[in-house]
C-alpha atoms as a PDB file:
ATOM      1  CA  UNK A   1       0.000   0.000   0.000  1.00  0.00           C
ATOM      2  CA  UNK A   2       2.787   2.396   0.766  1.00  0.00           C
ATOM      3  CA  UNK A   3       4.179   1.774  -2.709  1.00  0.00           C
ATOM      4  CA  UNK A   4       0.916   2.957  -4.289  1.00  0.00           C
ATOM      5  CA  UNK A   5       0.884   6.067  -2.114  1.00  0.00           C
ATOM      6  CA  UNK A   6       4.429   6.929  -3.121  1.00  0.00           C
ATOM      7  CA  UNK A   7       3.601   6.372  -6.778  1.00  0.00           C
ATOM      8  CA  UNK A   8       0.487   8.568  -6.672  1.00  0.00           C
ATOM      9  CA  UNK A   9       2.426  11.280  -4.795  1.00  0.00           C
ATOM     10  CA  UNK A  10       5.108  11.085  -7.495  1.00  0.00           C
ATOM     11  CA  UNK A  11       2.449  11.392 -10.240  1.00  0.00           C
ATOM     12  CA  UNK A  12       0.957  14.478  -8.566  1.00  0.00           C
ATOM     13  CA  UNK A  13       4.381  16.145  -8.416  1.00  0.00           C
ATOM     14  CA  UNK A  14       5.037  15.375 -12.070  1.00  0.00           C
ATOM     15  CA  UNK A  15       1.763  16.985 -13.127  1.00  0.00           C
ATOM     16  CA  UNK A  16       2.542  20.173 -11.229  1.00  0.00           C
ATOM     17  CA  UNK A  17       5.738  20.839 -13.262  1.00  0.00           C
ATOM     18  CA  UNK A  18       4.385  21.508 -16.730  1.00  0.00           C
ATOM     19  CA  UNK A  19       5.750  24.134 -19.164  1.00  0.00           C
ATOM     20  CA  UNK A  20       9.026  26.028 -19.323  1.00  0.00           C
ATOM     21  CA  UNK A  21      10.509  28.513 -16.953  1.00  0.00           C
ATOM     22  CA  UNK A  22      11.360  32.047 -17.996  1.00  0.00           C
ATOM     23  CA  UNK A  23      15.077  31.308 -17.772  1.00  0.00           C
ATOM     24  CA  UNK A  24      14.749  28.336 -20.139  1.00  0.00           C
ATOM     25  CA  UNK A  25      12.850  30.473 -22.649  1.00  0.00           C
ATOM     26  CA  UNK A  26      15.486  33.240 -22.461  1.00  0.00           C
ATOM     27  CA  UNK A  27      18.288  30.717 -23.038  1.00  0.00           C
ATOM     28  CA  UNK A  28      16.515  29.334 -26.120  1.00  0.00           C
ATOM     29  CA  UNK A  29      16.017  32.857 -27.509  1.00  0.00           C
ATOM     30  CA  UNK A  30      19.703  33.684 -26.941  1.00  0.00           C
ATOM     31  CA  UNK A  31      20.847  30.516 -28.695  1.00  0.00           C
ATOM     32  CA  UNK A  32      18.558  31.142 -31.676  1.00  0.00           C
ATOM     33  CA  UNK A  33      19.602  34.788 -31.983  1.00  0.00           C
ATOM     34  CA  UNK A  34      23.292  33.841 -31.981  1.00  0.00           C
ATOM     35  CA  UNK A  35      22.653  31.279 -34.734  1.00  0.00           C
ATOM     36  CA  UNK A  36      20.833  33.896 -36.819  1.00  0.00           C
ATOM     37  CA  UNK A  37      23.662  36.403 -36.262  1.00  0.00           C
ATOM     38  CA  UNK A  38      26.192  33.883 -37.571  1.00  0.00           C
ATOM     39  CA  UNK A  39      24.090  32.786 -40.565  1.00  0.00           C
ATOM     40  CA  UNK A  40      22.831  36.204 -41.756  1.00  0.00           C
ATOM     41  CA  UNK A  41      26.023  37.433 -43.518  1.00  0.00           C
ATOM     42  CA  UNK A  42      26.280  34.158 -45.443  1.00  0.00           C
ATOM     43  CA  UNK A  43      22.642  34.399 -46.461  1.00  0.00           C
ATOM     44  CA  UNK A  44      23.025  37.990 -47.664  1.00  0.00           C
ATOM     45  CA  UNK A  45      26.139  37.126 -49.686  1.00  0.00           C
ATOM     46  CA  UNK A  46      24.289  34.202 -51.258  1.00  0.00           C
ATOM     47  CA  UNK A  47      21.290  36.413 -52.038  1.00  0.00           C
ATOM     48  CA  UNK A  48      23.420  38.993 -53.885  1.00  0.00           C
ATOM     49  CA  UNK A  49      25.185  36.264 -55.916  1.00  0.00           C
ATOM     50  CA  UNK A  50      21.854  34.613 -56.723  1.00  0.00           C
ATOM     51  CA  UNK A  51      20.307  37.872 -57.972  1.00  0.00           C
ATOM     52  CA  UNK A  52      23.319  38.600 -60.194  1.00  0.00           C
ATOM     53  CA  UNK A  53      23.279  35.062 -61.583  1.00  0.00           C
ATOM     54  CA  UNK A  54      19.531  35.286 -62.234  1.00  0.00           C
ATOM     55  CA  UNK A  55      19.902  38.613 -64.039  1.00  0.00           C
ATOM     56  CA  UNK A  56      22.705  37.252 -66.242  1.00  0.00           C
ATOM     57  CA  UNK A  57      20.752  34.082 -67.049  1.00  0.00           C
ATOM     58  CA  UNK A  58      17.604  36.060 -67.843  1.00  0.00           C
ATOM     59  CA  UNK A  59      19.450  38.478 -70.110  1.00  0.00           C
ATOM     60  CA  UNK A  60      21.253  35.621 -71.880  1.00  0.00           C
ATOM     61  CA  UNK A  61      17.967  33.761 -72.423  1.00  0.00           C
ATOM     62  CA  UNK A  62      16.353  36.882 -73.871  1.00  0.00           C
ATOM     63  CA  UNK A  63      19.315  37.350 -76.221  1.00  0.00           C
ATOM     64  CA  UNK A  64      18.852  33.742 -77.399  1.00  0.00           C
ATOM     65  CA  UNK A  65      15.108  34.329 -77.826  1.00  0.00           C
ATOM     66  CA  UNK A  66      15.746  37.440 -79.939  1.00  0.00           C
ATOM     67  CA  UNK A  67      18.165  35.518 -82.155  1.00  0.00           C
ATOM     68  CA  UNK A  68      15.737  32.625 -82.649  1.00  0.00           C
ATOM     69  CA  UNK A  69      12.810  34.955 -83.367  1.00  0.00           C
ATOM     70  CA  UNK A  70      14.929  36.728 -85.959  1.00  0.00           C
ATOM     71  CA  UNK A  71      15.805  33.441 -87.665  1.00  0.00           C
ATOM     72  CA  UNK A  72      12.204  32.151 -87.657  1.00  0.00           C
ATOM     73  CA  UNK A  73      10.475  35.374 -88.721  1.00  0.00           C
ATOM     74  CA  UNK A  74      13.095  36.678 -91.159  1.00  0.00           C
ATOM     75  CA  UNK A  75      13.112  40.096 -89.459  1.00  0.00           C
ATOM     76  CA  UNK A  76      15.904  41.809 -87.535  1.00  0.00           C
ATOM     77  CA  UNK A  77      15.527  41.819 -83.761  1.00  0.00           C
ATOM     78  CA  UNK A  78      17.414  44.187 -81.550  1.00  0.00           C
ATOM     79  CA  UNK A  79      18.307  44.354 -77.879  1.00  0.00           C
ATOM     80  CA  UNK A  80      18.226  47.959 -76.683  1.00  0.00           C
ATOM     81  CA  UNK A  81      20.191  48.580 -73.475  1.00  0.00           C
ATOM     82  CA  UNK A  82      20.290  51.494 -71.044  1.00  0.00           C
ATOM     83  CA  UNK A  83      22.920  51.781 -68.312  1.00  0.00           C
ATOM     84  CA  UNK A  84      22.241  52.331 -64.627  1.00  0.00           C
ATOM     85  CA  UNK A  85      22.135  56.126 -64.916  1.00  0.00           C
ATOM     86  CA  UNK A  86      19.699  56.080 -67.858  1.00  0.00           C
ATOM     87  CA  UNK A  87      17.077  53.617 -66.640  1.00  0.00           C
ATOM     88  CA  UNK A  88      19.008  50.368 -66.036  1.00  0.00           C
ATOM     89  CA  UNK A  89      16.918  48.279 -68.428  1.00  0.00           C
ATOM     90  CA  UNK A  90      16.964  46.316 -71.642  1.00  0.00           C
ATOM     91  CA  UNK A  91      14.211  45.455 -74.098  1.00  0.00           C
ATOM     92  CA  UNK A  92      13.850  43.267 -77.174  1.00  0.00           C
ATOM     93  CA  UNK A  93      12.565  45.164 -80.214  1.00  0.00           C
ATOM     94  CA  UNK A  94      11.232  43.699 -83.472  1.00  0.00           C
ATOM     95  CA  UNK A  95      12.218  45.316 -86.784  1.00  0.00           C
ATOM     96  CA  UNK A  96      14.247  48.159 -85.292  1.00  0.00           C
ATOM     97  CA  UNK A  97      14.534  49.987 -88.622  1.00  0.00           C
ATOM     98  CA  UNK A  98      10.794  50.077 -89.148  1.00  0.00           C
ATOM     99  CA  UNK A  99       8.105  49.715 -86.503  1.00  0.00           C
ATOM    100  CA  UNK A 100      10.383  49.503 -83.452  1.00  0.00           C
ATOM    101  CA  UNK A 101       7.869  47.328 -81.565  1.00  0.00           C
ATOM    102  CA  UNK A 102       8.812  45.957 -78.147  1.00  0.00           C
ATOM    103  CA  UNK A 103       8.255  42.185 -78.048  1.00  0.00           C
ATOM    104  CA  UNK A 104       5.285  41.805 -75.673  1.00  0.00           C
ATOM    105  CA  UNK A 105       6.256  38.381 -74.306  1.00  0.00           C
ATOM    106  CA  UNK A 106       9.563  39.815 -73.061  1.00  0.00           C
ATOM    107  CA  UNK A 107       8.792  43.496 -72.570  1.00  0.00           C
ATOM    108  CA  UNK A 108      11.107  45.938 -70.851  1.00  0.00           C
ATOM    109  CA  UNK A 109      13.250  44.352 -68.143  1.00  0.00           C
ATOM    110  CA  UNK A 110      14.246  46.873 -65.457  1.00  0.00           C
ATOM    111  CA  UNK A 111      17.078  45.109 -63.653  1.00  0.00           C
ATOM    112  CA  UNK A 112      17.005  46.859 -60.273  1.00  0.00           C
ATOM    113  CA  UNK A 113      13.246  46.182 -60.001  1.00  0.00           C
ATOM    114  CA  UNK A 114      13.373  42.504 -60.905  1.00  0.00           C
ATOM    115  CA  UNK A 115      16.777  41.513 -59.530  1.00  0.00           C
ATOM    116  CA  UNK A 116      17.434  43.986 -56.698  1.00  0.00           C
ATOM    117  CA  UNK A 117      20.544  46.183 -56.954  1.00  0.00           C
ATOM    118  CA  UNK A 118      21.842  44.556 -60.153  1.00  0.00           C
ATOM    119  CA  UNK A 119      22.959  47.234 -62.592  1.00  0.00           C
ATOM    120  CA  UNK A 120      24.125  47.402 -66.186  1.00  0.00           C
ATOM    121  CA  UNK A 121      27.595  48.953 -65.972  1.00  0.00           C
ATOM    122  CA  UNK A 122      28.893  48.682 -69.549  1.00  0.00           C
ATOM    123  CA  UNK A 123      27.083  48.382 -72.870  1.00  0.00           C
ATOM    124  CA  UNK A 124      28.092  48.649 -76.543  1.00  0.00           C
ATOM    125  CA  UNK A 125      28.691  52.212 -77.753  1.00  0.00           C
ATOM    126  CA  UNK A 126      25.451  52.181 -79.758  1.00  0.00           C
ATOM    127  CA  UNK A 127      23.448  50.745 -76.861  1.00  0.00           C
ATOM    128  CA  UNK A 128      22.104  48.092 -79.230  1.00  0.00           C
ATOM    129  CA  UNK A 129      22.739  44.500 -80.223  1.00  0.00           C
ATOM    130  CA  UNK A 130      21.142  43.438 -83.517  1.00  0.00           C
ATOM    131  CA  UNK A 131      20.348  39.846 -84.520  1.00  0.00           C
ATOM    132  CA  UNK A 132      19.791  39.162 -88.225  1.00  0.00           C
ATOM    133  CA  UNK A 133      17.659  36.461 -89.899  1.00  0.00           C
ATOM    134  CA  UNK A 134      20.878  34.611 -90.798  1.00  0.00           C
ATOM    135  CA  UNK A 135      21.600  34.136 -87.078  1.00  0.00           C
ATOM    136  CA  UNK A 136      24.481  36.591 -86.993  1.00  0.00           C
ATOM    137  CA  UNK A 137      24.712  39.602 -84.724  1.00  0.00           C
ATOM    138  CA  UNK A 138      26.723  42.663 -83.891  1.00  0.00           C
ATOM    139  CA  UNK A 139      29.562  41.893 -81.501  1.00  0.00           C
ATOM    140  CA  UNK A 140      28.922  43.239 -78.040  1.00  0.00           C
ATOM    141  CA  UNK A 141      29.843  42.989 -74.387  1.00  0.00           C
ATOM    142  CA  UNK A 142      27.513  43.818 -71.506  1.00  0.00           C
ATOM    143  CA  UNK A 143      28.752  44.080 -67.925  1.00  0.00           C
ATOM    144  CA  UNK A 144      26.416  43.520 -64.965  1.00  0.00           C
ATOM    145  CA  UNK A 145      27.323  44.365 -61.372  1.00  0.00           C
ATOM    146  CA  UNK A 146      25.593  43.791 -58.032  1.00  0.00           C
ATOM    147  CA  UNK A 147      25.695  45.810 -54.808  1.00  0.00           C
ATOM    148  CA  UNK A 148      28.760  43.897 -53.578  1.00  0.00           C
ATOM    149  CA  UNK A 149      30.691  44.745 -56.771  1.00  0.00           C
ATOM    150  CA  UNK A 150      30.578  41.178 -58.129  1.00  0.00           C
ATOM    151  CA  UNK A 151      30.505  41.264 -61.923  1.00  0.00           C
ATOM    152  CA  UNK A 152      29.249  39.151 -64.806  1.00  0.00           C
ATOM    153  CA  UNK A 153      30.268  39.771 -68.397  1.00  0.00           C
ATOM    154  CA  UNK A 154      27.868  38.767 -71.181  1.00  0.00           C
ATOM    155  CA  UNK A 155      29.522  38.414 -74.587  1.00  0.00           C
ATOM    156  CA  UNK A 156      27.748  38.216 -77.953  1.00  0.00           C
ATOM    157  CA  UNK A 157      30.000  37.291 -80.876  1.00  0.00           C
ATOM    158  CA  UNK A 158      29.384  37.955 -84.573  1.00  0.00           C
ATOM    159  CA  UNK A 159      27.954  34.443 -85.067  1.00  0.00           C
ATOM    160  CA  UNK A 160      25.187  35.168 -82.560  1.00  0.00           C
ATOM    161  CA  UNK A 161      26.644  33.018 -79.799  1.00  0.00           C
ATOM    162  CA  UNK A 162      25.873  34.377 -76.322  1.00  0.00           C
ATOM    163  CA  UNK A 163      27.936  33.443 -73.258  1.00  0.00           C
ATOM    164  CA  UNK A 164      28.456  34.841 -69.797  1.00  0.00           C
ATOM    165  CA  UNK A 165      31.205  34.534 -67.228  1.00  0.00           C
ATOM    166  CA  UNK A 166      31.932  35.800 -63.746  1.00  0.00           C
ATOM    167  CA  UNK A 167      34.791  38.262 -63.426  1.00  0.00           C
END
């Protein structure tokens, strides 16, 4: 009988201690905040690299799309670029010598709006890259830069090949 009394007394004591103390909660918050403080710089660096990479990939894909549209339609397509101080955007234009119509499926891509602090630093002197129906293009180099001064260079050769590399 005394064993049952001890066991029921033990059960009552166990039920009284539910939840966490204030000190335990403060310790958990301190540990989590120190983990966040250590991880945040790495996350921000990754985020800047990711945005620059996304901008370069998007621009390269749009250059390829302009070249293919030019080949399939038999009309010149042109990439019109504006540096950071003049709008920081590019757009794909159909028949630049005639109608000068922006391709609706691509539109105007404003880099700092879509990719956060990515800017066009260098463009061709004319501000344009033209793709012909034969698949050729004007040679050009475009330089993109993010807020941490990381750079990507996009190169278009005279055969219409588009590549990009990190500098």
